[in-house]
Amino acid sequence: MKGCNTIQGLWWSLATARNALLVILCSGFASACLAFEKNFFSLTQHVDAGMPPFQIPQFSFQNLDPVTNSTTYKSCADVFK
């Protein structure tokens, strides 16, 4: 019976600590990815620092037509006709 209690105790500890183990494993994976310069977790590409150049905004409209699977471009004059 003593061996059974030991196994139950180990199983209880593992079941209780599974969230902490998952966090430790995932943070180790993320750390290894950063060490090998694999950028799997970034949602953006490289962004240049500073202000963008001053310019008049583009007055055009892009519309995806799901039926024909094509994108139509319209200028401001075409949109307000």
C-alpha atoms as a PDB file:
ATOM      1  CA  MET A   1       0.000   0.000   0.000  1.00  0.00           C
ATOM      2  CA  LYS A   2       2.905   2.350   0.620  1.00  0.00           C
ATOM      3  CA  GLY A   3       3.955   2.197  -3.049  1.00  0.00           C
ATOM      4  CA  CYS A   4       0.386   2.930  -4.113  1.00  0.00           C
ATOM      5  CA  ASN A   5       0.291   6.064  -1.932  1.00  0.00           C
ATOM      6  CA  THR A   6       3.574   7.219  -3.452  1.00  0.00           C
ATOM      7  CA  ILE A   7       2.253   6.781  -6.981  1.00  0.00           C
ATOM      8  CA  GLN A   8      -0.979   8.587  -6.084  1.00  0.00           C
ATOM      9  CA  GLY A   9       1.029  11.414  -4.529  1.00  0.00           C
ATOM     10  CA  LEU A  10       3.200  11.758  -7.626  1.00  0.00           C
ATOM     11  CA  TRP A  11       0.146  11.679  -9.883  1.00  0.00           C
ATOM     12  CA  TRP A  12      -1.592  14.350  -7.756  1.00  0.00           C
ATOM     13  CA  SER A  13       1.520  16.563  -7.868  1.00  0.00           C
ATOM     14  CA  LEU A  14       1.804  16.201 -11.638  1.00  0.00           C
ATOM     15  CA  ALA A  15      -1.895  16.937 -12.161  1.00  0.00           C
ATOM     16  CA  THR A  16      -1.724  19.979  -9.891  1.00  0.00           C
ATOM     17  CA  ALA A  17       1.446  21.379 -11.442  1.00  0.00           C
ATOM     18  CA  ARG A  18       0.564  20.762 -15.111  1.00  0.00           C
ATOM     19  CA  ASN A  19      -0.202  24.442 -15.818  1.00  0.00           C
ATOM     20  CA  ALA A  20       3.110  25.521 -14.325  1.00  0.00           C
ATOM     21  CA  LEU A  21       4.908  22.800 -16.299  1.00  0.00           C
ATOM     22  CA  LEU A  22       3.230  23.962 -19.509  1.00  0.00           C
ATOM     23  CA  VAL A  23       4.274  27.571 -18.875  1.00  0.00           C
ATOM     24  CA  ILE A  24       7.863  26.506 -18.179  1.00  0.00           C
ATOM     25  CA  LEU A  25       8.028  24.329 -21.309  1.00  0.00           C
ATOM     26  CA  CYS A  26       6.513  27.010 -23.559  1.00  0.00           C
ATOM     27  CA  SER A  27       8.786  29.739 -22.207  1.00  0.00           C
ATOM     28  CA  GLY A  28      11.775  27.457 -22.785  1.00  0.00           C
ATOM     29  CA  PHE A  29      10.635  26.888 -26.376  1.00  0.00           C
ATOM     30  CA  ALA A  30      10.199  30.636 -26.926  1.00  0.00           C
ATOM     31  CA  SER A  31      13.627  31.306 -25.425  1.00  0.00           C
ATOM     32  CA  ALA A  32      15.229  28.719 -27.720  1.00  0.00           C
ATOM     33  CA  CYS A  33      13.502  30.268 -30.742  1.00  0.00           C
ATOM     34  CA  LEU A  34      14.846  33.706 -29.826  1.00  0.00           C
ATOM     35  CA  ALA A  35      18.342  32.284 -29.270  1.00  0.00           C
ATOM     36  CA  PHE A  36      18.358  30.861 -32.808  1.00  0.00           C
ATOM     37  CA  GLU A  37      16.784  34.060 -34.220  1.00  0.00           C
ATOM     38  CA  LYS A  38      13.589  32.312 -35.315  1.00  0.00           C
ATOM     39  CA  ASN A  39      10.841  34.896 -35.080  1.00  0.00           C
ATOM     40  CA  PHE A  40       7.648  32.800 -34.959  1.00  0.00           C
ATOM     41  CA  PHE A  41       5.808  35.025 -32.500  1.00  0.00           C
ATOM     42  CA  SER A  42       5.946  38.437 -34.194  1.00  0.00           C
ATOM     43  CA  LEU A  43       2.745  39.785 -35.716  1.00  0.00           C
ATOM     44  CA  THR A  44       4.440  42.634 -37.613  1.00  0.00           C
ATOM     45  CA  GLN A  45       7.352  42.918 -39.984  1.00  0.00           C
ATOM     46  CA  HIS A  46      10.201  45.413 -39.672  1.00  0.00           C
ATOM     47  CA  VAL A  47       8.960  48.974 -39.098  1.00  0.00           C
ATOM     48  CA  ASP A  48      11.286  51.907 -39.725  1.00  0.00           C
ATOM     49  CA  ALA A  49      11.635  54.337 -36.850  1.00  0.00           C
ATOM     50  CA  GLY A  50      10.435  57.909 -37.136  1.00  0.00           C
ATOM     51  CA  MET A  51       7.555  59.729 -38.736  1.00  0.00           C
ATOM     52  CA  PRO A  52       6.272  58.739 -42.172  1.00  0.00           C
ATOM     53  CA  PRO A  53       6.718  61.283 -44.972  1.00  0.00           C
ATOM     54  CA  PHE A  54       4.052  63.973 -45.167  1.00  0.00           C
ATOM     55  CA  GLN A  55       1.772  63.434 -48.161  1.00  0.00           C
ATOM     56  CA  ILE A  56      -1.825  63.771 -49.195  1.00  0.00           C
ATOM     57  CA  PRO A  57      -3.738  60.561 -48.452  1.00  0.00           C
ATOM     58  CA  GLN A  58      -4.746  58.315 -51.315  1.00  0.00           C
ATOM     59  CA  PHE A  59      -8.371  58.790 -52.209  1.00  0.00           C
ATOM     60  CA  SER A  60      -9.067  55.305 -53.472  1.00  0.00           C
ATOM     61  CA  PHE A  61     -11.171  52.392 -52.329  1.00  0.00           C
ATOM     62  CA  GLN A  62     -10.274  48.708 -52.575  1.00  0.00           C
ATOM     63  CA  ASN A  63     -13.151  46.253 -52.610  1.00  0.00           C
ATOM     64  CA  LEU A  64     -12.822  42.460 -52.684  1.00  0.00           C
ATOM     65  CA  ASP A  65     -15.635  40.798 -54.605  1.00  0.00           C
ATOM     66  CA  PRO A  66     -16.005  37.277 -53.130  1.00  0.00           C
ATOM     67  CA  VAL A  67     -18.078  36.054 -56.088  1.00  0.00           C
ATOM     68  CA  THR A  68     -15.421  36.739 -58.717  1.00  0.00           C
ATOM     69  CA  ASN A  69     -12.506  36.645 -56.228  1.00  0.00           C
ATOM     70  CA  SER A  70     -11.118  39.890 -57.596  1.00  0.00           C
ATOM     71  CA  THR A  71     -10.212  43.246 -56.124  1.00  0.00           C
ATOM     72  CA  THR A  72     -11.670  46.379 -57.663  1.00  0.00           C
ATOM     73  CA  TYR A  73      -9.976  49.741 -57.217  1.00  0.00           C
ATOM     74  CA  LYS A  74     -12.060  52.884 -57.307  1.00  0.00           C
ATOM     75  CA  SER A  75     -10.980  56.479 -57.033  1.00  0.00           C
ATOM     76  CA  CYS A  76     -12.750  58.988 -54.839  1.00  0.00           C
ATOM     77  CA  ALA A  77     -14.670  60.360 -57.826  1.00  0.00           C
ATOM     78  CA  ASP A  78     -15.908  56.851 -58.724  1.00  0.00           C
ATOM     79  CA  VAL A  79     -17.018  56.126 -55.161  1.00  0.00           C
ATOM     80  CA  PHE A  80     -19.156  59.264 -54.829  1.00  0.00           C
ATOM     81  CA  LYS A  81     -20.841  59.055 -58.266  1.00  0.00           C
END
